Protein backbone atom coordinates (compact mmCIF):
# COMPACT_ATOMS: atom_id res chain seq x y z
CA MET A 1 77.58 -30.53 107.86
CA ASN A 2 77.50 -33.20 110.56
CA GLN A 3 75.59 -36.49 110.45
CA ASN A 4 72.67 -35.24 112.57
CA ASP A 5 72.18 -32.21 110.30
CA SER A 6 72.20 -34.52 107.28
CA LYS A 7 69.58 -36.79 108.86
CA LEU A 8 67.39 -33.82 109.78
CA ILE A 9 67.56 -32.36 106.26
CA PHE A 10 66.81 -35.80 104.73
CA ARG A 11 63.78 -36.26 106.95
CA LYS A 12 62.41 -32.77 106.30
CA VAL A 13 62.85 -32.98 102.54
CA PHE A 14 61.48 -36.51 102.29
CA SER A 15 58.56 -35.75 104.61
CA GLY A 16 57.66 -32.69 102.54
CA LEU A 17 57.80 -34.64 99.28
CA LEU A 18 55.78 -37.51 100.71
CA TYR A 19 53.17 -35.11 102.08
CA ALA A 20 52.87 -33.38 98.70
CA VAL A 21 52.49 -36.68 96.83
CA LEU A 22 49.92 -38.06 99.26
CA LEU A 23 48.00 -34.80 99.24
CA THR A 24 47.71 -34.79 95.46
CA MET A 25 46.77 -38.47 95.38
CA THR A 26 44.03 -38.31 98.00
CA GLY A 27 42.61 -34.82 97.55
CA ALA A 28 40.43 -35.37 94.51
CA GLY A 29 39.19 -38.78 95.61
CA MET A 30 38.30 -37.66 99.11
CA ALA A 31 36.49 -34.56 97.85
CA HIS A 32 33.90 -36.77 96.15
CA GLN A 33 33.51 -39.35 98.89
CA ALA A 34 30.86 -39.06 101.57
CA PRO A 35 32.19 -39.29 105.14
CA ASP A 36 30.10 -42.39 105.86
CA SER A 37 30.57 -44.10 102.50
CA GLU A 38 31.16 -47.80 102.22
CA GLY A 39 34.73 -48.92 101.94
CA ALA A 40 36.06 -46.22 104.25
CA PRO A 41 38.62 -47.62 106.70
CA ASP A 42 37.45 -48.29 110.24
CA HIS A 43 40.95 -47.82 111.64
CA ILE A 44 44.26 -46.05 111.11
CA ILE A 45 47.64 -47.69 111.59
CA GLN A 46 50.40 -45.33 112.68
CA ALA A 47 54.04 -46.31 113.04
CA ALA A 48 56.79 -44.27 114.67
CA ILE A 49 60.51 -44.85 115.05
CA VAL A 50 61.76 -44.85 118.63
CA SER A 51 65.44 -45.57 117.85
CA GLU A 52 67.59 -46.00 114.75
CA GLY A 53 70.04 -48.03 116.80
CA ASP A 54 73.70 -47.19 117.16
CA VAL A 55 74.55 -47.45 113.47
CA ASP A 56 76.76 -44.81 111.85
CA ALA A 57 75.49 -43.13 108.67
CA LEU A 58 71.98 -44.64 108.90
CA SER A 59 68.75 -42.68 108.87
CA ALA A 60 65.32 -44.25 108.87
CA MET A 61 61.82 -42.89 108.59
CA VAL A 62 58.30 -44.23 108.47
CA LEU A 63 56.33 -43.59 105.30
CA ASP A 64 52.74 -43.07 106.41
CA ALA A 65 50.32 -44.83 104.11
CA PRO A 66 47.38 -47.20 104.55
CA ARG A 67 50.10 -49.78 105.28
CA PRO A 68 53.09 -48.07 106.91
CA ALA A 69 56.43 -48.56 105.18
CA LEU A 70 60.02 -48.00 106.24
CA MET A 71 62.57 -45.92 104.31
CA VAL A 72 66.24 -46.47 105.15
CA ARG A 73 69.11 -44.35 103.90
CA TYR A 74 72.62 -45.60 104.56
CA GLN A 75 75.86 -43.90 103.54
CA GLY A 76 78.39 -45.86 105.57
CA GLU A 77 81.54 -47.48 104.26
CA GLU A 78 80.80 -50.93 105.70
CA THR A 79 77.97 -53.11 104.44
CA LEU A 80 74.67 -52.75 106.32
CA VAL A 81 72.42 -55.82 106.44
CA VAL A 82 68.73 -55.60 107.38
CA TYR A 83 67.25 -58.87 108.66
CA ASP A 84 63.77 -60.26 108.03
CA SER A 85 61.26 -61.58 110.57
CA ASP A 86 63.07 -64.94 110.61
CA ASN A 87 66.43 -63.26 111.38
CA ASN A 88 67.73 -64.07 107.90
CA PRO A 89 69.45 -61.44 105.73
CA PHE A 90 66.85 -59.48 103.76
CA LEU A 91 68.46 -56.28 102.44
CA ARG A 92 72.10 -55.35 101.89
CA PHE A 93 73.16 -51.69 101.61
CA GLU A 94 76.61 -51.18 100.10
CA ASP A 95 78.45 -48.98 97.62
CA ASN A 96 75.48 -46.70 96.92
CA ARG A 97 73.10 -49.54 96.05
CA VAL A 98 70.66 -51.84 97.80
CA GLU A 99 70.24 -55.55 97.15
CA ALA A 100 67.51 -57.94 98.32
CA ASN A 101 67.97 -61.59 99.22
CA THR A 102 65.68 -63.75 97.08
CA ARG A 103 65.75 -66.41 99.82
CA SER A 104 64.33 -64.05 102.45
CA SER A 105 60.74 -64.59 103.58
CA HIS A 106 60.18 -60.87 102.82
CA TRP A 107 61.34 -61.11 99.18
CA PRO A 108 57.89 -61.99 97.74
CA ALA A 109 56.42 -58.78 99.19
CA LEU A 110 58.79 -56.56 97.19
CA PRO A 111 57.50 -55.23 93.85
CA GLN A 112 60.83 -56.28 92.27
CA SER A 113 59.99 -59.94 92.96
CA LYS A 114 57.00 -59.94 90.60
CA GLY A 115 57.96 -61.81 87.47
CA TYR A 116 61.55 -62.30 88.61
CA GLN A 117 62.88 -65.78 87.96
CA VAL A 118 64.96 -66.72 91.00
CA LYS A 119 68.23 -68.35 90.00
CA GLU A 120 69.70 -71.13 92.12
CA ASP A 121 73.19 -69.59 92.15
CA GLU A 122 72.12 -65.94 92.53
CA HIS A 123 70.59 -64.93 95.85
CA TRP A 124 71.07 -61.15 95.85
CA VAL A 125 69.26 -58.87 93.39
CA GLN A 126 69.75 -55.12 93.09
CA VAL A 127 66.56 -53.28 94.07
CA SER A 128 67.93 -49.72 94.26
CA GLY A 129 70.72 -47.84 92.54
CA SER A 130 70.99 -45.36 95.40
CA ALA A 131 71.76 -45.46 99.11
CA SER A 132 68.04 -45.43 99.99
CA PHE A 133 65.28 -48.01 99.89
CA GLY A 134 61.71 -48.14 101.14
CA TRP A 135 59.50 -51.17 101.65
CA VAL A 136 56.29 -52.26 103.33
CA ASP A 137 57.53 -54.37 106.22
CA PRO A 138 55.14 -56.88 107.85
CA ARG A 139 56.53 -55.93 111.27
CA LEU A 140 54.84 -52.54 110.82
CA SER A 141 51.36 -54.05 110.62
CA VAL A 142 48.73 -55.56 112.86
CA ASP A 143 46.73 -58.71 112.29
CA GLU A 144 43.00 -58.60 111.73
CA ASN A 145 42.25 -59.89 115.23
CA THR A 146 43.95 -56.95 116.93
CA SER A 147 41.62 -54.97 119.14
CA HIS A 148 41.08 -51.28 118.47
CA ASP A 149 43.27 -48.70 120.17
CA THR A 150 46.18 -51.12 120.50
CA VAL A 151 49.84 -50.14 120.76
CA LYS A 152 52.70 -52.57 120.10
CA ASP A 153 56.45 -52.30 119.68
CA TRP A 154 58.31 -53.42 116.56
CA ARG A 155 61.97 -54.24 115.94
CA ILE A 156 63.98 -54.63 112.73
CA PRO A 157 67.45 -56.13 113.30
CA VAL A 158 70.41 -54.65 111.42
CA ARG A 159 74.15 -55.24 111.36
CA GLN A 160 76.83 -52.83 110.18
CA GLY A 161 79.95 -54.61 108.92
CA GLU A 162 81.28 -57.07 111.48
CA ALA A 163 79.74 -55.21 114.45
CA GLY A 164 77.22 -56.87 116.71
CA MET A 165 73.51 -56.91 115.99
CA ASP A 166 71.57 -53.68 116.47
CA ALA A 167 68.01 -52.70 115.58
CA ILE A 168 65.71 -50.01 114.31
CA THR A 169 62.86 -49.99 116.82
CA GLY A 170 59.51 -48.31 116.97
CA ARG A 171 55.94 -48.25 118.10
CA LEU A 172 52.82 -49.15 116.15
CA SER A 173 49.35 -47.93 117.08
CA TRP A 174 46.02 -49.03 115.68
CA ARG A 175 43.27 -46.49 116.27
CA SER A 176 39.63 -46.81 115.39
CA VAL A 177 38.15 -44.10 113.20
CA THR A 178 34.91 -42.45 114.26
CA THR A 179 32.93 -41.24 111.27
CA GLN A 180 31.14 -37.90 111.30
CA LYS A 181 27.82 -39.73 111.33
CA GLU A 182 28.71 -41.60 114.54
CA SER A 183 30.12 -38.55 116.30
CA ALA A 184 27.08 -36.43 115.39
CA HIS A 185 24.86 -38.81 117.38
CA ASP A 186 27.07 -38.95 120.50
């Protein structure tokens, strides 16, 4: 099986599992909620990957949720480093595990950071015992002042081993939601 087949199978399996989980989580709640009820979102944020960069053994996918997240799977022999918004090391994929840098500006957003006492001499903490890790990345979001129906590009820098910098890139769209009540009066 070549690398492209492996990526395709990973995406199909993970997409199917994510769809099943989201369907079971939202089905019952949505069945009892009126279309024009308070608290319903007035917009949808959608993220899509345009390029995974030129990194061997890397596959990435967007996890659609109220706040889009990114899932990266890396099975290369060299260390892969994912950089944060400040271009500082954030995640390190190596030897079938993922570690997070406690000095990264993105560290506090990870669930693993809650209650963790950062040690002065220890900057990397294991966050996954597999070659995959998913996180809500602030680069896959829009600020509250963004106008409806906006599209913007996002970029997450990565480096494989000693190679030059590369990036996972994508597009983010923010679409307003028209409720049934509004569209019935149009």
